[in-house]
Amino acid sequence: MTTNLQQRVTKIVSEVLNQNESAIRLDVSLRDDLQIDSLHQMTLFIALEDEFQLNMPPEEVTGIITVNDIVDFIDKKLQELSLT
């Protein structure tokens, strides 16, 4: 996992949630700490799909709780794409 990936995810999360980027740490909970609702979650995943050119099906993202979970998910997806 790269620092660049973490920075890109953090930037998108901060933009979608209209939060200061410095407030978005990897260990924060999307729902509990950032108060993300279902509309923001959907908007966030669409923005991430656009940024990273990958598909984030709802059935695959149900276990995402923290910002770090997003980074790990995207890292895994990008690795899978590079193998094909």
C-alpha atoms as a PDB file:
ATOM      1  CA  MET A   1       0.000   0.000   0.000  1.00  0.00           C
ATOM      2  CA  THR A   2       1.326   3.396  -0.904  1.00  0.00           C
ATOM      3  CA  THR A   3       1.163   6.724   0.845  1.00  0.00           C
ATOM      4  CA  ASN A   4      -0.147   8.142  -2.428  1.00  0.00           C
ATOM      5  CA  LEU A   5      -3.143   5.788  -2.272  1.00  0.00           C
ATOM      6  CA  GLN A   6      -3.850   6.802   1.322  1.00  0.00           C
ATOM      7  CA  GLN A   7      -3.632  10.489   0.412  1.00  0.00           C
ATOM      8  CA  ARG A   8      -5.947  10.106  -2.567  1.00  0.00           C
ATOM      9  CA  VAL A   9      -8.554   8.233  -0.498  1.00  0.00           C
ATOM     10  CA  THR A  10      -8.308  10.753   2.345  1.00  0.00           C
ATOM     11  CA  LYS A  11      -8.736  13.637  -0.099  1.00  0.00           C
ATOM     12  CA  ILE A  12     -11.863  12.094  -1.635  1.00  0.00           C
ATOM     13  CA  VAL A  13     -13.388  11.280   1.767  1.00  0.00           C
ATOM     14  CA  SER A  14     -12.783  14.849   2.938  1.00  0.00           C
ATOM     15  CA  GLU A  15     -14.293  16.310  -0.243  1.00  0.00           C
ATOM     16  CA  VAL A  16     -17.412  14.120  -0.197  1.00  0.00           C
ATOM     17  CA  LEU A  17     -18.036  14.730   3.504  1.00  0.00           C
ATOM     18  CA  ASN A  18     -16.990  18.402   3.358  1.00  0.00           C
ATOM     19  CA  GLN A  19     -14.494  17.835   6.168  1.00  0.00           C
ATOM     20  CA  ASN A  20     -10.995  19.152   6.684  1.00  0.00           C
ATOM     21  CA  GLU A  21      -8.538  16.652   5.233  1.00  0.00           C
ATOM     22  CA  SER A  22      -6.483  16.685   8.443  1.00  0.00           C
ATOM     23  CA  ALA A  23      -9.518  15.335  10.334  1.00  0.00           C
ATOM     24  CA  ILE A  24      -9.630  12.204   8.155  1.00  0.00           C
ATOM     25  CA  ARG A  25      -7.387   9.620   9.806  1.00  0.00           C
ATOM     26  CA  LEU A  26      -7.078   6.029   8.662  1.00  0.00           C
ATOM     27  CA  ASP A  27      -8.555   4.643  11.882  1.00  0.00           C
ATOM     28  CA  VAL A  28     -11.739   6.751  11.948  1.00  0.00           C
ATOM     29  CA  SER A  29     -15.068   5.012  11.589  1.00  0.00           C
ATOM     30  CA  LEU A  30     -17.124   6.231   8.662  1.00  0.00           C
ATOM     31  CA  ARG A  31     -20.409   6.000  10.547  1.00  0.00           C
ATOM     32  CA  ASP A  32     -19.417   6.624  14.170  1.00  0.00           C
ATOM     33  CA  ASP A  33     -16.702   9.261  13.775  1.00  0.00           C
ATOM     34  CA  LEU A  34     -17.513  10.882  10.433  1.00  0.00           C
ATOM     35  CA  GLN A  35     -21.304  10.512  10.726  1.00  0.00           C
ATOM     36  CA  ILE A  36     -21.598   9.238   7.153  1.00  0.00           C
ATOM     37  CA  ASP A  37     -25.139   8.461   6.025  1.00  0.00           C
ATOM     38  CA  SER A  38     -26.214   6.158   3.205  1.00  0.00           C
ATOM     39  CA  LEU A  39     -26.356   8.972   0.630  1.00  0.00           C
ATOM     40  CA  HIS A  40     -22.848  10.158   1.479  1.00  0.00           C
ATOM     41  CA  GLN A  41     -21.635   6.561   1.464  1.00  0.00           C
ATOM     42  CA  MET A  42     -23.027   6.006  -2.020  1.00  0.00           C
ATOM     43  CA  THR A  43     -21.542   9.308  -3.221  1.00  0.00           C
ATOM     44  CA  LEU A  44     -18.199   8.376  -1.662  1.00  0.00           C
ATOM     45  CA  PHE A  45     -18.039   4.980  -3.347  1.00  0.00           C
ATOM     46  CA  ILE A  46     -18.976   6.483  -6.724  1.00  0.00           C
ATOM     47  CA  ALA A  47     -16.230   9.106  -6.332  1.00  0.00           C
ATOM     48  CA  LEU A  48     -13.741   6.373  -5.408  1.00  0.00           C
ATOM     49  CA  GLU A  49     -14.798   4.273  -8.404  1.00  0.00           C
ATOM     50  CA  ASP A  50     -14.244   7.268 -10.676  1.00  0.00           C
ATOM     51  CA  GLU A  51     -10.877   8.166  -9.130  1.00  0.00           C
ATOM     52  CA  PHE A  52      -9.441   4.659  -9.254  1.00  0.00           C
ATOM     53  CA  GLN A  53     -11.300   3.333 -12.310  1.00  0.00           C
ATOM     54  CA  LEU A  54     -12.622   0.268 -10.505  1.00  0.00           C
ATOM     55  CA  ASN A  55     -15.911  -1.291  -9.513  1.00  0.00           C
ATOM     56  CA  MET A  56     -17.051  -1.317  -5.874  1.00  0.00           C
ATOM     57  CA  PRO A  57     -20.164  -3.537  -5.819  1.00  0.00           C
ATOM     58  CA  PRO A  58     -22.378  -3.097  -2.726  1.00  0.00           C
ATOM     59  CA  GLU A  59     -21.971  -6.745  -1.737  1.00  0.00           C
ATOM     60  CA  GLU A  60     -18.183  -6.303  -1.599  1.00  0.00           C
ATOM     61  CA  VAL A  61     -18.114  -3.076   0.409  1.00  0.00           C
ATOM     62  CA  THR A  62     -20.487  -4.044   3.212  1.00  0.00           C
ATOM     63  CA  GLY A  63     -17.592  -4.783   5.583  1.00  0.00           C
ATOM     64  CA  ILE A  64     -15.972  -1.375   5.150  1.00  0.00           C
ATOM     65  CA  ILE A  65     -16.003   0.420   8.490  1.00  0.00           C
ATOM     66  CA  THR A  66     -12.950   2.678   8.563  1.00  0.00           C
ATOM     67  CA  VAL A  67     -11.036   4.818   6.091  1.00  0.00           C
ATOM     68  CA  ASN A  68      -8.255   2.241   6.295  1.00  0.00           C
ATOM     69  CA  ASP A  69     -10.735  -0.433   5.181  1.00  0.00           C
ATOM     70  CA  ILE A  70     -11.351   1.639   2.052  1.00  0.00           C
ATOM     71  CA  VAL A  71      -7.610   1.944   1.403  1.00  0.00           C
ATOM     72  CA  ASP A  72      -7.128  -1.805   1.887  1.00  0.00           C
ATOM     73  CA  PHE A  73     -10.082  -2.622  -0.386  1.00  0.00           C
ATOM     74  CA  ILE A  74      -8.839  -0.359  -3.183  1.00  0.00           C
ATOM     75  CA  ASP A  75      -5.271  -1.617  -2.814  1.00  0.00           C
ATOM     76  CA  LYS A  76      -6.497  -5.201  -3.157  1.00  0.00           C
ATOM     77  CA  LYS A  77      -8.664  -4.344  -6.173  1.00  0.00           C
ATOM     78  CA  LEU A  78      -5.818  -2.513  -7.920  1.00  0.00           C
ATOM     79  CA  GLN A  79      -3.503  -5.466  -7.334  1.00  0.00           C
ATOM     80  CA  GLU A  80      -6.114  -7.832  -8.803  1.00  0.00           C
ATOM     81  CA  LEU A  81      -6.449  -5.593 -11.870  1.00  0.00           C
ATOM     82  CA  SER A  82      -2.694  -5.490 -12.387  1.00  0.00           C
ATOM     83  CA  LEU A  83      -2.592  -9.301 -12.466  1.00  0.00           C
ATOM     84  CA  THR A  84      -5.121  -9.568 -15.293  1.00  0.00           C
END
